[in-house]
Amino acid sequence: MKNVDEILALSPAEKILLIEQLWDSLSDSSIEVSDSQKAEIRKRLMRYDQGKTKVYTWDEVKSEIRSL
């Protein structure tokens, strides 16, 4: 296993590959979602389904971030 200094010394491409490997190692069943998180997800989905949530395109998000 690599230590933090070894990880930080990796190239950006190597770091991305490591992140992908870590992400892929997580299974849906290994991620615990609390009841309050589930309730929040249901609330947000309901607001989205009712048209009460503003939706942004990726271009709009990038533009907003770049304007900061």
PDB file of N, CA and C in Angstrom:
ATOM      1  N   MET A   1       0.847  -1.186   0.000  1.00  0.00           N
ATOM      2  CA  MET A   1       0.000   0.000   0.000  1.00  0.00           C
ATOM      3  C   MET A   1       0.887   1.240   0.000  1.00  0.00           C
ATOM      4  N   LYS A   2       0.479   2.239  -0.733  1.00  0.00           N
ATOM      5  CA  LYS A   2       1.246   3.477  -0.829  1.00  0.00           C
ATOM      6  C   LYS A   2       0.954   4.361   0.382  1.00  0.00           C
ATOM      7  N   ASN A   3       1.983   5.087   0.820  1.00  0.00           N
ATOM      8  CA  ASN A   3       1.729   6.060   1.871  1.00  0.00           C
ATOM      9  C   ASN A   3       1.359   7.390   1.221  1.00  0.00           C
ATOM     10  N   VAL A   4       0.964   8.347   2.011  1.00  0.00           N
ATOM     11  CA  VAL A   4       0.464   9.612   1.493  1.00  0.00           C
ATOM     12  C   VAL A   4       1.509  10.328   0.646  1.00  0.00           C
ATOM     13  N   ASP A   5       2.755  10.318   1.065  1.00  0.00           N
ATOM     14  CA  ASP A   5       3.804  10.995   0.298  1.00  0.00           C
ATOM     15  C   ASP A   5       3.971  10.366  -1.087  1.00  0.00           C
ATOM     16  N   GLU A   6       3.866   9.039  -1.159  1.00  0.00           N
ATOM     17  CA  GLU A   6       3.972   8.369  -2.446  1.00  0.00           C
ATOM     18  C   GLU A   6       2.794   8.735  -3.352  1.00  0.00           C
ATOM     19  N   ILE A   7       1.617   8.819  -2.757  1.00  0.00           N
ATOM     20  CA  ILE A   7       0.424   9.184  -3.530  1.00  0.00           C
ATOM     21  C   ILE A   7       0.543  10.610  -4.049  1.00  0.00           C
ATOM     22  N   LEU A   8       0.995  11.518  -3.198  1.00  0.00           N
ATOM     23  CA  LEU A   8       1.131  12.915  -3.611  1.00  0.00           C
ATOM     24  C   LEU A   8       2.185  13.085  -4.693  1.00  0.00           C
ATOM     25  N   ALA A   9       3.146  12.171  -4.767  1.00  0.00           N
ATOM     26  CA  ALA A   9       4.204  12.252  -5.769  1.00  0.00           C
ATOM     27  C   ALA A   9       3.765  11.696  -7.128  1.00  0.00           C
ATOM     28  N   LEU A  10       2.607  11.057  -7.181  1.00  0.00           N
ATOM     29  CA  LEU A  10       2.120  10.506  -8.443  1.00  0.00           C
ATOM     30  C   LEU A  10       1.799  11.619  -9.431  1.00  0.00           C
ATOM     31  N   SER A  11       1.855  11.286 -10.694  1.00  0.00           N
ATOM     32  CA  SER A  11       1.462  12.241 -11.734  1.00  0.00           C
ATOM     33  C   SER A  11      -0.057  12.407 -11.686  1.00  0.00           C
ATOM     34  N   PRO A  12      -0.586  13.480 -12.262  1.00  0.00           N
ATOM     35  CA  PRO A  12      -2.046  13.646 -12.289  1.00  0.00           C
ATOM     36  C   PRO A  12      -2.755  12.439 -12.904  1.00  0.00           C
ATOM     37  N   ALA A  13      -2.209  11.888 -13.975  1.00  0.00           N
ATOM     38  CA  ALA A  13      -2.838  10.726 -14.615  1.00  0.00           C
ATOM     39  C   ALA A  13      -2.847   9.523 -13.671  1.00  0.00           C
ATOM     40  N   GLU A  14      -1.751   9.311 -12.960  1.00  0.00           N
ATOM     41  CA  GLU A  14      -1.683   8.195 -12.011  1.00  0.00           C
ATOM     42  C   GLU A  14      -2.653   8.396 -10.850  1.00  0.00           C
ATOM     43  N   LYS A  15      -2.809   9.643 -10.404  1.00  0.00           N
ATOM     44  CA  LYS A  15      -3.759   9.933  -9.325  1.00  0.00           C
ATOM     45  C   LYS A  15      -5.189   9.644  -9.773  1.00  0.00           C
ATOM     46  N   ILE A  16      -5.500  10.015 -11.011  1.00  0.00           N
ATOM     47  CA  ILE A  16      -6.849   9.756 -11.534  1.00  0.00           C
ATOM     48  C   ILE A  16      -7.101   8.254 -11.604  1.00  0.00           C
ATOM     49  N   LEU A  17      -6.124   7.488 -12.060  1.00  0.00           N
ATOM     50  CA  LEU A  17      -6.275   6.031 -12.108  1.00  0.00           C
ATOM     51  C   LEU A  17      -6.482   5.453 -10.712  1.00  0.00           C
ATOM     52  N   LEU A  18      -5.755   5.963  -9.743  1.00  0.00           N
ATOM     53  CA  LEU A  18      -5.909   5.503  -8.363  1.00  0.00           C
ATOM     54  C   LEU A  18      -7.302   5.838  -7.839  1.00  0.00           C
ATOM     55  N   ILE A  19      -7.761   7.040  -8.128  1.00  0.00           N
ATOM     56  CA  ILE A  19      -9.106   7.439  -7.707  1.00  0.00           C
ATOM     57  C   ILE A  19     -10.147   6.521  -8.337  1.00  0.00           C
ATOM     58  N   GLU A  20      -9.981   6.219  -9.610  1.00  0.00           N
ATOM     59  CA  GLU A  20     -10.911   5.311 -10.298  1.00  0.00           C
ATOM     60  C   GLU A  20     -10.920   3.936  -9.644  1.00  0.00           C
ATOM     61  N   GLN A  21      -9.737   3.443  -9.298  1.00  0.00           N
ATOM     62  CA  GLN A  21      -9.657   2.134  -8.653  1.00  0.00           C
ATOM     63  C   GLN A  21     -10.350   2.154  -7.293  1.00  0.00           C
ATOM     64  N   LEU A  22     -10.141   3.215  -6.541  1.00  0.00           N
ATOM     65  CA  LEU A  22     -10.793   3.340  -5.234  1.00  0.00           C
ATOM     66  C   LEU A  22     -12.299   3.420  -5.391  1.00  0.00           C
ATOM     67  N   TRP A  23     -12.747   4.241  -6.334  1.00  0.00           N
ATOM     68  CA  TRP A  23     -14.190   4.409  -6.568  1.00  0.00           C
ATOM     69  C   TRP A  23     -14.823   3.078  -6.965  1.00  0.00           C
ATOM     70  N   ASP A  24     -14.169   2.373  -7.884  1.00  0.00           N
ATOM     71  CA  ASP A  24     -14.690   1.096  -8.358  1.00  0.00           C
ATOM     72  C   ASP A  24     -14.705   0.035  -7.264  1.00  0.00           C
ATOM     73  N   SER A  25     -13.864   0.192  -6.252  1.00  0.00           N
ATOM     74  CA  SER A  25     -13.810  -0.796  -5.178  1.00  0.00           C
ATOM     75  C   SER A  25     -14.987  -0.667  -4.213  1.00  0.00           C
ATOM     76  N   LEU A  26     -15.705   0.449  -4.297  1.00  0.00           N
ATOM     77  CA  LEU A  26     -16.871   0.638  -3.436  1.00  0.00           C
ATOM     78  C   LEU A  26     -18.078  -0.019  -4.085  1.00  0.00           C
ATOM     79  N   SER A  27     -18.778  -0.789  -3.307  1.00  0.00           N
ATOM     80  CA  SER A  27     -20.017  -1.368  -3.828  1.00  0.00           C
ATOM     81  C   SER A  27     -21.187  -0.581  -3.246  1.00  0.00           C
ATOM     82  N   ASP A  28     -22.314  -0.636  -3.931  1.00  0.00           N
ATOM     83  CA  ASP A  28     -23.496   0.075  -3.438  1.00  0.00           C
ATOM     84  C   ASP A  28     -23.853  -0.355  -2.022  1.00  0.00           C
ATOM     85  N   SER A  29     -23.651  -1.615  -1.721  1.00  0.00           N
ATOM     86  CA  SER A  29     -24.027  -2.112  -0.395  1.00  0.00           C
ATOM     87  C   SER A  29     -23.064  -1.660   0.698  1.00  0.00           C
ATOM     88  N   SER A  30     -21.872  -1.197   0.317  1.00  0.00           N
ATOM     89  CA  SER A  30     -20.905  -0.774   1.329  1.00  0.00           C
ATOM     90  C   SER A  30     -21.106   0.683   1.743  1.00  0.00           C
ATOM     91  N   ILE A  31     -21.982   1.395   1.050  1.00  0.00           N
ATOM     92  CA  ILE A  31     -22.224   2.798   1.357  1.00  0.00           C
ATOM     93  C   ILE A  31     -23.524   2.897   2.158  1.00  0.00           C
ATOM     94  N   GLU A  32     -23.400   3.337   3.380  1.00  0.00           N
ATOM     95  CA  GLU A  32     -24.575   3.443   4.239  1.00  0.00           C
ATOM     96  C   GLU A  32     -25.214   4.818   4.088  1.00  0.00           C
ATOM     97  N   VAL A  33     -26.512   4.826   3.931  1.00  0.00           N
ATOM     98  CA  VAL A  33     -27.273   6.066   3.823  1.00  0.00           C
ATOM     99  C   VAL A  33     -28.231   6.105   5.017  1.00  0.00           C
ATOM    100  N   SER A  34     -28.136   7.175   5.785  1.00  0.00           N
ATOM    101  CA  SER A  34     -28.970   7.285   6.981  1.00  0.00           C
ATOM    102  C   SER A  34     -30.425   7.562   6.598  1.00  0.00           C
ATOM    103  N   ASP A  35     -31.310   7.350   7.547  1.00  0.00           N
ATOM    104  CA  ASP A  35     -32.726   7.627   7.307  1.00  0.00           C
ATOM    105  C   ASP A  35     -32.957   9.095   6.980  1.00  0.00           C
ATOM    106  N   SER A  36     -32.226   9.989   7.637  1.00  0.00           N
ATOM    107  CA  SER A  36     -32.396  11.416   7.359  1.00  0.00           C
ATOM    108  C   SER A  36     -31.907  11.758   5.953  1.00  0.00           C
ATOM    109  N   GLN A  37     -30.839  11.098   5.497  1.00  0.00           N
ATOM    110  CA  GLN A  37     -30.358  11.321   4.130  1.00  0.00           C
ATOM    111  C   GLN A  37     -31.376  10.806   3.117  1.00  0.00           C
ATOM    112  N   LYS A  38     -31.962   9.645   3.387  1.00  0.00           N
ATOM    113  CA  LYS A  38     -32.984   9.090   2.504  1.00  0.00           C
ATOM    114  C   LYS A  38     -34.189  10.029   2.431  1.00  0.00           C
ATOM    115  N   ALA A  39     -34.583  10.576   3.577  1.00  0.00           N
ATOM    116  CA  ALA A  39     -35.713  11.496   3.606  1.00  0.00           C
ATOM    117  C   ALA A  39     -35.410  12.744   2.786  1.00  0.00           C
ATOM    118  N   GLU A  40     -34.195  13.252   2.882  1.00  0.00           N
ATOM    119  CA  GLU A  40     -33.796  14.436   2.120  1.00  0.00           C
ATOM    120  C   GLU A  40     -33.808  14.139   0.621  1.00  0.00           C
ATOM    121  N   ILE A  41     -33.327  12.973   0.243  1.00  0.00           N
ATOM    122  CA  ILE A  41     -33.340  12.582  -1.176  1.00  0.00           C
ATOM    123  C   ILE A  41     -34.774  12.515  -1.685  1.00  0.00           C
ATOM    124  N   ARG A  42     -35.666  11.884  -0.904  1.00  0.00           N
ATOM    125  CA  ARG A  42     -37.067  11.794  -1.316  1.00  0.00           C
ATOM    126  C   ARG A  42     -37.686  13.184  -1.454  1.00  0.00           C
ATOM    127  N   LYS A  43     -37.377  14.082  -0.515  1.00  0.00           N
ATOM    128  CA  LYS A  43     -37.906  15.443  -0.552  1.00  0.00           C
ATOM    129  C   LYS A  43     -37.431  16.177  -1.805  1.00  0.00           C
ATOM    130  N   ARG A  44     -36.155  16.049  -2.105  1.00  0.00           N
ATOM    131  CA  ARG A  44     -35.605  16.732  -3.281  1.00  0.00           C
ATOM    132  C   ARG A  44     -36.166  16.166  -4.581  1.00  0.00           C
ATOM    133  N   LEU A  45     -36.318  14.834  -4.653  1.00  0.00           N
ATOM    134  CA  LEU A  45     -36.900  14.231  -5.846  1.00  0.00           C
ATOM    135  C   LEU A  45     -38.343  14.670  -6.036  1.00  0.00           C
ATOM    136  N   MET A  46     -39.097  14.780  -4.945  1.00  0.00           N
ATOM    137  CA  MET A  46     -40.477  15.219  -5.025  1.00  0.00           C
ATOM    138  C   MET A  46     -40.547  16.659  -5.544  1.00  0.00           C
ATOM    139  N   ARG A  47     -39.681  17.534  -5.009  1.00  0.00           N
ATOM    140  CA  ARG A  47     -39.650  18.925  -5.479  1.00  0.00           C
ATOM    141  C   ARG A  47     -39.259  18.986  -6.954  1.00  0.00           C
ATOM    142  N   TYR A  48     -38.328  18.140  -7.376  1.00  0.00           N
ATOM    143  CA  TYR A  48     -37.928  18.102  -8.786  1.00  0.00           C
ATOM    144  C   TYR A  48     -39.105  17.643  -9.645  1.00  0.00           C
ATOM    145  N   ASP A  49     -39.761  16.568  -9.238  1.00  0.00           N
ATOM    146  CA  ASP A  49     -40.896  16.038  -9.999  1.00  0.00           C
ATOM    147  C   ASP A  49     -42.031  17.051 -10.101  1.00  0.00           C
ATOM    148  N   GLN A  50     -42.177  17.904  -9.091  1.00  0.00           N
ATOM    149  CA  GLN A  50     -43.231  18.918  -9.079  1.00  0.00           C
ATOM    150  C   GLN A  50     -42.820  20.183  -9.826  1.00  0.00           C
ATOM    151  N   GLY A  51     -41.596  20.203 -10.359  1.00  0.00           N
ATOM    152  CA  GLY A  51     -41.124  21.368 -11.095  1.00  0.00           C
ATOM    153  C   GLY A  51     -40.739  22.538 -10.203  1.00  0.00           C
ATOM    154  N   LYS A  52     -40.460  22.268  -8.938  1.00  0.00           N
ATOM    155  CA  LYS A  52     -40.123  23.326  -7.983  1.00  0.00           C
ATOM    156  C   LYS A  52     -38.616  23.499  -7.807  1.00  0.00           C
ATOM    157  N   THR A  53     -37.841  22.779  -8.581  1.00  0.00           N
ATOM    158  CA  THR A  53     -36.387  22.836  -8.466  1.00  0.00           C
ATOM    159  C   THR A  53     -35.802  23.429  -9.737  1.00  0.00           C
ATOM    160  N   LYS A  54     -34.957  24.437  -9.602  1.00  0.00           N
ATOM    161  CA  LYS A  54     -34.274  25.032 -10.741  1.00  0.00           C
ATOM    162  C   LYS A  54     -33.160  24.089 -11.182  1.00  0.00           C
ATOM    163  N   VAL A  55     -33.103  23.828 -12.454  1.00  0.00           N
ATOM    164  CA  VAL A  55     -32.096  22.935 -13.019  1.00  0.00           C
ATOM    165  C   VAL A  55     -31.157  23.764 -13.888  1.00  0.00           C
ATOM    166  N   TYR A  56     -29.857  23.478 -13.780  1.00  0.00           N
ATOM    167  CA  TYR A  56     -28.843  24.212 -14.524  1.00  0.00           C
ATOM    168  C   TYR A  56     -28.099  23.271 -15.460  1.00  0.00           C
ATOM    169  N   THR A  57     -27.713  23.779 -16.618  1.00  0.00           N
ATOM    170  CA  THR A  57     -26.876  22.996 -17.526  1.00  0.00           C
ATOM    171  C   THR A  57     -25.439  23.061 -17.013  1.00  0.00           C
ATOM    172  N   TRP A  58     -24.620  22.133 -17.488  1.00  0.00           N
ATOM    173  CA  TRP A  58     -23.216  22.136 -17.104  1.00  0.00           C
ATOM    174  C   TRP A  58     -22.544  23.435 -17.555  1.00  0.00           C
ATOM    175  N   ASP A  59     -22.899  23.942 -18.726  1.00  0.00           N
ATOM    176  CA  ASP A  59     -22.318  25.200 -19.199  1.00  0.00           C
ATOM    177  C   ASP A  59     -22.679  26.362 -18.274  1.00  0.00           C
ATOM    178  N   GLU A  60     -23.910  26.380 -17.767  1.00  0.00           N
ATOM    179  CA  GLU A  60     -24.321  27.438 -16.840  1.00  0.00           C
ATOM    180  C   GLU A  60     -23.524  27.340 -15.534  1.00  0.00           C
ATOM    181  N   VAL A  61     -23.317  26.130 -15.053  1.00  0.00           N
ATOM    182  CA  VAL A  61     -22.555  25.940 -13.806  1.00  0.00           C
ATOM    183  C   VAL A  61     -21.123  26.407 -13.992  1.00  0.00           C
ATOM    184  N   LYS A  62     -20.494  25.992 -15.098  1.00  0.00           N
ATOM    185  CA  LYS A  62     -19.104  26.408 -15.360  1.00  0.00           C
ATOM    186  C   LYS A  62     -19.014  27.930 -15.464  1.00  0.00           C
ATOM    187  N   SER A  63     -19.954  28.540 -16.143  1.00  0.00           N
ATOM    188  CA  SER A  63     -19.943  29.990 -16.300  1.00  0.00           C
ATOM    189  C   SER A  63     -20.047  30.679 -14.953  1.00  0.00           C
ATOM    190  N   GLU A  64     -20.925  30.183 -14.109  1.00  0.00           N
ATOM    191  CA  GLU A  64     -21.097  30.770 -12.773  1.00  0.00           C
ATOM    192  C   GLU A  64     -19.822  30.635 -11.937  1.00  0.00           C
ATOM    193  N   ILE A  65     -19.209  29.467 -12.000  1.00  0.00           N
ATOM    194  CA  ILE A  65     -17.977  29.246 -11.230  1.00  0.00           C
ATOM    195  C   ILE A  65     -16.864  30.162 -11.731  1.00  0.00           C
ATOM    196  N   ARG A  66     -16.755  30.299 -13.016  1.00  0.00           N
ATOM    197  CA  ARG A  66     -15.682  31.132 -13.592  1.00  0.00           C
ATOM    198  C   ARG A  66     -15.901  32.620 -13.307  1.00  0.00           C
ATOM    199  N   SER A  67     -17.127  33.001 -13.015  1.00  0.00           N
ATOM    200  CA  SER A  67     -17.405  34.425 -12.749  1.00  0.00           C
ATOM    201  C   SER A  67     -17.074  34.812 -11.308  1.00  0.00           C
ATOM    202  N   LEU A  68     -16.748  33.847 -10.474  1.00  0.00           N
ATOM    203  CA  LEU A  68     -16.455  34.146  -9.056  1.00  0.00           C
ATOM    204  C   LEU A  68     -15.094  34.763  -8.883  1.00  0.00           C
TER     205      LEU A  68
END
